[in-house]
Amino acid sequence: MAVLTYHNLHKEFKLNGLVFTKESLIQAAQDYSQSDLDAEQDFGRFVLNWFDDKPYVEVKTSGTTGKPKIIKVQKQAMVNSAMATGIFFDLKAGNKALCCLPVQYIAGKMMLVRAFVLGFDLDFVAPSSHPLDQNSSHYDFAAMVPLQVENSLPQLHHIKKLIIGGAQVHPNLEEKLIHNPCQSYETYSMTETVTHIAAKRVGEKAFTILPNITISQDERQCLVISAPTLTEGDLITNDIVELISENQFCWLGRYDNVINSGGIKLIPEQIEEKLSHTITNRFFVAGIADERLGQKLILVIEGNPYDLKEQVFSALSQYEKPKAVHFVPKFKETGTGKVKRNEIVKSL
């Protein structure tokens, strides 16, 4: 059996309903790269980069925990990731798929690579917060960020399988998705692992890893990923997890977000999950320097100030209750829509 490489273009690949060979796709990409539209330029440049002689593509990280940076991702690793996704989600050649994510980031790039490798009939549309507006097509597979999903709920039944990444799925959105006929999956991903290495049905607690991945923990209880087909060596993350089995884990929070307040270690994401049922605005909790406690737990809410009733905090323990509340008119975000926690806290 021939090994699939980045030199190949699946014979069943289609773009916006048209059949392409590798040569005709490169020609179309040259035209796209000269477009006045940013999304078409990004698409064209990526296709030209994908089929050039280099074994890697340059990818911009989201900048969630620091400044965005450019890293080199091996093309063969991207092919391997696409194959693993196809197996995990039982995707076939000829499946109709939607790419509505920015191609300058890894998630958008990988939707294109999956189409090239697996032979999707791919619709490529400019990224927007309402990707299904004025679109009556039905899809076997799509990928979105939570904001796009929230805005697409009335049309979501047009998609059979949907993967959601870029940010956590809010419990309110989760509840809506559980009752939607679309099969929605939340993914665990990062640029360094060529997007997702695990996924779970929305509503479930544990992530299940994709093929050719093994997982363990370090002394901090953080996830360690071994993915020889995607990256060299073990990848040590800052994600605190609970290992359920050799192929399943529950995500608890970020080690670099942990707050040590008076000797009590608090995981912000666990507190936020409890508060998500009583606060409707976007928010997060964080620690700031405090002479007495070392770090003081604060609550930061997006929007205009308002009075918070005591019952908002009823699900929290004594140590989990914020010592102060700050309101910020508009949260700063990365290019992929993730909240820049550290930058916001520094500005308070």
Protein backbone atom coordinates (compact mmCIF):
# COMPACT_ATOMS: atom_id res chain seq x y z
CA MET A 1 0.00 0.00 0.00
CA ALA A 2 1.39 3.42 -0.98
CA VAL A 3 2.17 5.80 1.87
CA LEU A 4 0.07 8.95 1.86
CA THR A 5 2.25 12.04 1.74
CA TYR A 6 1.76 15.76 1.31
CA HIS A 7 2.63 15.37 -2.38
CA ASN A 8 -0.74 13.70 -2.98
CA LEU A 9 -4.15 15.21 -3.67
CA HIS A 10 -7.03 12.77 -3.24
CA LYS A 11 -8.75 12.04 -6.56
CA GLU A 12 -12.18 12.72 -5.02
CA PHE A 13 -11.25 16.16 -3.65
CA LYS A 14 -13.61 18.96 -4.65
CA LEU A 15 -13.55 22.65 -3.81
CA ASN A 16 -16.83 24.55 -3.80
CA GLY A 17 -18.35 21.85 -5.98
CA LEU A 18 -15.56 21.75 -8.60
CA VAL A 19 -13.16 18.86 -9.27
CA PHE A 20 -9.46 19.73 -9.10
CA THR A 21 -6.22 18.00 -9.90
CA LYS A 22 -3.09 19.02 -8.01
CA GLU A 23 -2.00 21.13 -10.98
CA SER A 24 -5.35 22.89 -11.43
CA LEU A 25 -5.60 23.54 -7.67
CA ILE A 26 -2.16 25.19 -7.71
CA GLN A 27 -3.29 27.34 -10.64
CA ALA A 28 -6.46 28.34 -8.77
CA ALA A 29 -4.37 29.09 -5.67
CA GLN A 30 -2.22 31.50 -7.65
CA ASP A 31 -5.37 33.38 -8.62
CA TYR A 32 -6.70 33.30 -5.04
CA SER A 33 -3.42 34.68 -3.70
CA GLN A 34 -3.96 37.80 -5.83
CA SER A 35 -7.53 38.32 -4.57
CA ASP A 36 -8.69 41.49 -2.84
CA LEU A 37 -10.27 39.33 -0.12
CA ASP A 38 -8.05 38.39 2.84
CA ALA A 39 -9.63 34.94 3.24
CA GLU A 40 -8.99 34.05 -0.41
CA GLN A 41 -5.42 35.36 -0.19
CA ASP A 42 -4.79 33.20 2.89
CA PHE A 43 -6.28 30.16 1.13
CA GLY A 44 -4.20 30.68 -2.00
CA ARG A 45 -0.95 31.20 -0.10
CA PHE A 46 -1.47 28.09 2.00
CA VAL A 47 -2.18 25.88 -1.01
CA LEU A 48 0.97 27.19 -2.73
CA ASN A 49 2.99 26.60 0.46
CA TRP A 50 1.49 23.12 0.86
CA PHE A 51 2.61 21.96 -2.57
CA ASP A 52 6.05 23.62 -2.58
CA ASP A 53 9.32 21.75 -2.00
CA LYS A 54 9.60 22.49 1.73
CA PRO A 55 8.71 19.65 4.16
CA TYR A 56 7.06 22.09 6.57
CA VAL A 57 4.62 24.99 6.73
CA GLU A 58 4.89 27.99 9.03
CA VAL A 59 1.97 28.35 11.43
CA LYS A 60 1.05 31.21 13.76
CA THR A 61 0.17 30.22 17.34
CA SER A 62 -2.89 31.78 18.96
CA GLY A 63 -1.02 33.71 21.66
CA THR A 64 -3.30 32.61 24.50
CA THR A 65 -0.53 32.35 27.09
CA GLY A 66 1.99 34.71 25.54
CA LYS A 67 2.89 36.55 22.37
CA PRO A 68 1.84 34.80 19.14
CA LYS A 69 4.79 33.13 17.45
CA ILE A 70 5.55 31.39 14.18
CA ILE A 71 6.44 27.70 14.39
CA LYS A 72 7.33 25.18 11.71
CA VAL A 73 4.95 22.21 11.44
CA GLN A 74 5.97 19.21 9.35
CA LYS A 75 3.62 18.56 6.45
CA GLN A 76 3.76 14.80 6.96
CA ALA A 77 2.63 15.31 10.57
CA MET A 78 -0.37 17.23 9.24
CA VAL A 79 -1.16 14.35 6.86
CA ASN A 80 -0.90 11.91 9.77
CA SER A 81 -3.22 14.08 11.88
CA ALA A 82 -5.76 14.20 9.06
CA MET A 83 -5.69 10.40 8.75
CA ALA A 84 -6.19 9.97 12.52
CA THR A 85 -9.17 12.37 12.45
CA GLY A 86 -10.68 10.40 9.58
CA ILE A 87 -10.43 7.15 11.53
CA PHE A 88 -11.71 8.61 14.81
CA PHE A 89 -14.76 10.29 13.28
CA ASP A 90 -15.35 7.65 10.56
CA LEU A 91 -14.98 10.15 7.72
CA LYS A 92 -14.96 8.96 4.11
CA ALA A 93 -13.92 10.17 0.66
CA GLY A 94 -16.73 12.18 -0.88
CA ASN A 95 -18.01 13.48 2.48
CA LYS A 96 -19.18 17.07 2.20
CA ALA A 97 -17.30 19.36 4.58
CA LEU A 98 -17.26 23.04 5.50
CA CYS A 99 -14.18 25.17 6.17
CA CYS A 100 -15.22 28.41 7.88
CA LEU A 101 -12.14 28.99 10.07
CA PRO A 102 -9.24 31.39 9.42
CA VAL A 103 -6.60 29.65 7.30
CA GLN A 104 -3.74 31.59 8.89
CA TYR A 105 -4.15 29.42 12.02
CA ILE A 106 -3.67 25.66 12.35
CA ALA A 107 -7.38 24.78 12.68
CA GLY A 108 -8.24 26.33 9.32
CA LYS A 109 -5.15 24.89 7.66
CA MET A 110 -6.02 21.41 8.92
CA MET A 111 -9.55 21.55 7.50
CA LEU A 112 -7.95 22.05 4.09
CA VAL A 113 -5.41 19.28 4.66
CA ARG A 114 -8.14 16.85 5.70
CA ALA A 115 -9.96 17.65 2.48
CA PHE A 116 -6.78 17.13 0.41
CA VAL A 117 -5.91 13.84 2.14
CA LEU A 118 -9.34 12.29 2.79
CA GLY A 119 -11.02 13.45 -0.41
CA PHE A 120 -13.71 15.78 0.94
CA ASP A 121 -16.15 17.75 -1.16
CA LEU A 122 -15.15 20.98 0.58
CA ASP A 123 -17.00 24.28 0.75
CA PHE A 124 -14.58 27.07 1.64
CA VAL A 125 -16.17 30.26 2.96
CA ALA A 126 -14.70 33.42 4.47
CA PRO A 127 -14.53 33.16 8.29
CA SER A 128 -17.40 34.92 10.06
CA SER A 129 -19.32 34.70 13.32
CA HIS A 130 -22.40 33.44 11.39
CA PRO A 131 -20.94 30.81 9.03
CA LEU A 132 -24.25 29.13 8.12
CA ASP A 133 -26.21 32.27 7.31
CA GLN A 134 -27.66 32.11 3.77
CA ASN A 135 -26.28 28.58 3.42
CA SER A 136 -28.79 25.78 2.90
CA SER A 137 -26.19 23.06 2.18
CA HIS A 138 -25.95 19.92 4.31
CA TYR A 139 -22.56 18.77 5.60
CA ASP A 140 -21.09 15.54 6.90
CA PHE A 141 -18.32 17.33 8.79
CA ALA A 142 -17.41 20.85 9.93
CA ALA A 143 -15.27 22.66 12.50
CA MET A 144 -16.18 25.84 14.38
CA VAL A 145 -15.32 27.90 17.44
CA PRO A 146 -18.01 28.24 20.16
CA LEU A 147 -19.18 31.71 19.02
CA GLN A 148 -19.85 30.38 15.52
CA VAL A 149 -21.73 27.42 16.97
CA GLU A 150 -23.87 29.66 19.18
CA ASN A 151 -24.83 31.78 16.18
CA SER A 152 -25.56 28.74 14.01
CA LEU A 153 -27.89 26.81 16.32
CA PRO A 154 -31.00 27.18 14.10
CA GLN A 155 -29.13 25.65 11.12
CA LEU A 156 -26.90 23.23 13.01
CA HIS A 157 -29.05 20.22 12.11
CA HIS A 158 -27.59 20.62 8.60
CA ILE A 159 -24.29 19.25 9.96
CA LYS A 160 -23.89 15.57 10.88
CA LYS A 161 -20.62 15.82 12.81
CA LEU A 162 -19.17 19.04 14.22
CA ILE A 163 -15.88 19.54 16.05
CA ILE A 164 -15.59 22.59 18.33
CA GLY A 165 -12.27 24.08 19.39
CA GLY A 166 -10.47 27.30 20.18
CA ALA A 167 -12.17 27.80 23.55
CA GLN A 168 -14.19 25.86 26.10
CA VAL A 169 -17.86 25.18 25.41
CA HIS A 170 -19.96 27.14 27.93
CA PRO A 171 -22.44 25.01 29.92
CA ASN A 172 -25.37 27.00 28.49
CA LEU A 173 -24.25 26.19 24.94
CA GLU A 174 -23.51 22.62 25.95
CA GLU A 175 -27.10 22.17 27.12
CA LYS A 176 -28.43 23.42 23.77
CA LEU A 177 -26.11 21.12 21.82
CA ILE A 178 -27.04 18.01 23.78
CA HIS A 179 -30.59 18.28 22.43
CA ASN A 180 -29.51 19.10 18.86
CA PRO A 181 -29.44 16.32 16.23
CA CYS A 182 -25.96 17.43 15.16
CA GLN A 183 -23.25 15.22 16.73
CA SER A 184 -21.07 17.83 18.44
CA TYR A 185 -17.59 17.11 19.77
CA GLU A 186 -15.37 19.31 21.93
CA THR A 187 -11.70 18.89 21.04
CA TYR A 188 -8.46 19.05 23.01
CA SER A 189 -5.91 20.67 20.75
CA MET A 190 -2.89 22.90 20.35
CA THR A 191 -0.77 24.08 17.45
CA GLU A 192 2.18 21.97 18.59
CA THR A 193 0.14 18.74 18.23
CA VAL A 194 -1.22 19.74 14.81
CA THR A 195 -4.69 20.57 16.24
CA HIS A 196 -6.60 17.99 18.24
CA ILE A 197 -5.21 14.83 19.80
CA ALA A 198 -8.43 14.02 21.70
CA ALA A 199 -12.16 14.70 21.55
CA LYS A 200 -15.35 14.09 23.52
CA ARG A 201 -19.04 14.29 22.75
CA VAL A 202 -20.46 17.52 24.13
CA GLY A 203 -21.98 16.70 27.52
CA GLU A 204 -19.44 14.02 28.37
CA LYS A 205 -16.65 14.59 30.90
CA ALA A 206 -13.74 12.58 29.50
CA PHE A 207 -11.73 13.15 26.34
CA THR A 208 -10.77 10.10 24.27
CA ILE A 209 -7.44 10.19 22.47
CA LEU A 210 -7.07 9.72 18.71
CA PRO A 211 -5.13 6.81 17.16
CA ASN A 212 -1.33 6.64 17.63
CA ILE A 213 -1.40 8.80 20.79
CA THR A 214 -0.38 7.77 24.31
CA ILE A 215 -0.84 9.86 27.45
CA SER A 216 0.63 10.08 30.95
CA GLN A 217 1.14 12.65 33.73
CA ASP A 218 4.16 14.43 35.15
CA GLU A 219 4.79 15.22 38.82
CA ARG A 220 2.46 18.25 38.59
CA GLN A 221 -0.41 16.02 37.38
CA CYS A 222 -0.12 17.72 33.99
CA LEU A 223 -0.77 15.88 30.75
CA VAL A 224 2.20 14.43 28.85
CA ILE A 225 1.50 13.53 25.23
CA SER A 226 3.45 11.04 23.17
CA ALA A 227 2.52 11.39 19.50
CA PRO A 228 5.39 10.06 17.37
CA THR A 229 3.50 10.58 14.09
CA LEU A 230 2.88 14.25 14.95
CA THR A 231 5.81 15.57 16.95
CA GLU A 232 9.29 14.50 18.04
CA GLY A 233 9.64 13.50 21.69
CA ASP A 234 7.09 13.80 24.48
CA LEU A 235 5.10 17.02 24.73
CA ILE A 236 4.77 18.18 28.34
CA THR A 237 1.72 20.41 28.72
CA ASN A 238 0.57 22.77 31.47
CA ASP A 239 -2.89 21.18 31.52
CA ILE A 240 -3.84 19.56 34.83
CA VAL A 241 -5.78 16.37 34.11
CA GLU A 242 -7.29 13.32 35.74
CA LEU A 243 -6.39 10.12 33.89
CA ILE A 244 -9.48 7.92 33.57
CA SER A 245 -7.83 5.13 31.57
CA GLU A 246 -4.93 4.64 29.19
CA ASN A 247 -6.89 6.45 26.47
CA GLN A 248 -9.17 8.84 28.38
CA PHE A 249 -8.64 11.91 30.57
CA CYS A 250 -10.63 14.73 32.18
CA TRP A 251 -9.28 18.26 31.80
CA LEU A 252 -9.22 20.17 35.12
CA GLY A 253 -7.42 23.42 34.33
CA ARG A 254 -4.14 25.15 33.49
CA TYR A 255 -1.19 24.76 35.85
CA ASP A 256 -0.04 28.29 35.02
CA ASN A 257 -3.44 29.61 36.12
CA VAL A 258 -3.37 27.93 39.56
CA ILE A 259 -3.77 30.43 42.41
CA ASN A 260 -2.03 29.93 45.77
CA SER A 261 -4.11 31.96 48.21
CA GLY A 262 -3.03 31.65 51.81
CA GLY A 263 -1.62 28.18 51.14
CA ILE A 264 -4.81 26.96 49.46
CA LYS A 265 -4.35 25.97 45.80
CA LEU A 266 -7.30 27.01 43.63
CA ILE A 267 -7.88 25.97 40.02
CA PRO A 268 -9.65 28.88 38.28
CA GLU A 269 -11.34 26.72 35.65
CA GLN A 270 -13.05 24.64 38.34
CA ILE A 271 -14.39 27.78 40.03
CA GLU A 272 -15.49 29.19 36.67
CA GLU A 273 -17.45 26.04 35.89
CA LYS A 274 -19.46 26.52 39.10
CA LEU A 275 -20.07 30.22 38.40
CA SER A 276 -21.05 29.63 34.77
CA HIS A 277 -24.57 28.67 35.88
CA THR A 278 -25.16 32.02 37.60
CA ILE A 279 -23.19 34.58 35.54
CA THR A 280 -24.34 35.18 31.97
CA ASN A 281 -21.64 37.66 30.87
CA ARG A 282 -18.20 36.44 29.89
CA PHE A 283 -15.94 36.25 32.94
CA PHE A 284 -12.92 34.58 34.49
CA VAL A 285 -11.25 34.35 37.89
CA ALA A 286 -7.57 35.05 38.51
CA GLY A 287 -5.04 35.71 41.24
CA ILE A 288 -3.37 39.05 41.96
CA ALA A 289 -0.56 39.82 44.40
CA ASP A 290 -1.66 40.29 48.02
CA GLU A 291 0.58 41.02 51.05
CA ARG A 292 -1.39 38.81 53.45
CA LEU A 293 -2.47 35.90 51.22
CA GLY A 294 0.32 35.86 48.66
CA GLN A 295 -2.35 35.83 45.95
CA LYS A 296 -5.88 37.12 46.18
CA LEU A 297 -8.70 35.56 44.15
CA ILE A 298 -10.60 38.06 41.99
CA LEU A 299 -13.52 37.82 39.59
CA VAL A 300 -13.32 39.72 36.27
CA ILE A 301 -16.58 40.23 34.35
CA GLU A 302 -17.00 41.67 30.85
CA GLY A 303 -19.51 44.51 30.57
CA ASN A 304 -20.86 47.42 32.57
CA PRO A 305 -20.77 47.19 36.39
CA TYR A 306 -23.79 45.78 38.20
CA ASP A 307 -24.58 44.45 41.69
CA LEU A 308 -23.93 40.74 42.23
CA LYS A 309 -26.28 38.99 44.62
CA GLU A 310 -24.83 36.64 47.23
CA GLN A 311 -26.56 33.60 45.69
CA VAL A 312 -24.33 33.98 42.63
CA PHE A 313 -21.58 32.44 44.78
CA SER A 314 -23.73 29.80 46.50
CA ALA A 315 -21.99 26.86 44.79
CA LEU A 316 -18.53 28.00 45.93
CA SER A 317 -16.64 26.92 49.03
CA GLN A 318 -15.31 29.47 51.50
CA TYR A 319 -11.90 29.64 49.80
CA GLU A 320 -13.35 29.80 46.27
CA LYS A 321 -15.29 33.03 46.82
CA PRO A 322 -13.61 36.01 45.10
CA LYS A 323 -12.22 38.73 47.35
CA ALA A 324 -12.94 41.42 44.73
CA VAL A 325 -14.94 41.89 41.53
CA HIS A 326 -13.71 43.90 38.54
CA PHE A 327 -15.67 44.88 35.45
CA VAL A 328 -13.99 45.36 32.06
CA PRO A 329 -16.02 46.90 29.21
CA LYS A 330 -14.55 44.58 26.55
CA PHE A 331 -12.20 41.60 26.96
CA LYS A 332 -9.03 41.57 24.88
CA GLU A 333 -8.85 38.50 22.65
CA THR A 334 -6.34 36.61 20.54
CA GLY A 335 -6.86 36.28 16.80
CA THR A 336 -8.72 33.01 17.43
CA GLY A 337 -11.09 34.52 20.00
CA LYS A 338 -9.44 33.33 23.21
CA VAL A 339 -9.52 35.72 26.16
CA LYS A 340 -6.15 37.24 27.05
CA ARG A 341 -6.42 36.68 30.80
CA ASN A 342 -2.92 37.78 31.79
CA GLU A 343 -3.05 40.98 29.76
CA ILE A 344 -6.46 41.92 31.19
CA VAL A 345 -5.36 41.28 34.78
CA LYS A 346 -2.23 43.41 34.31
CA SER A 347 -4.39 46.31 33.12
CA LEU A 348 -6.60 46.33 36.24
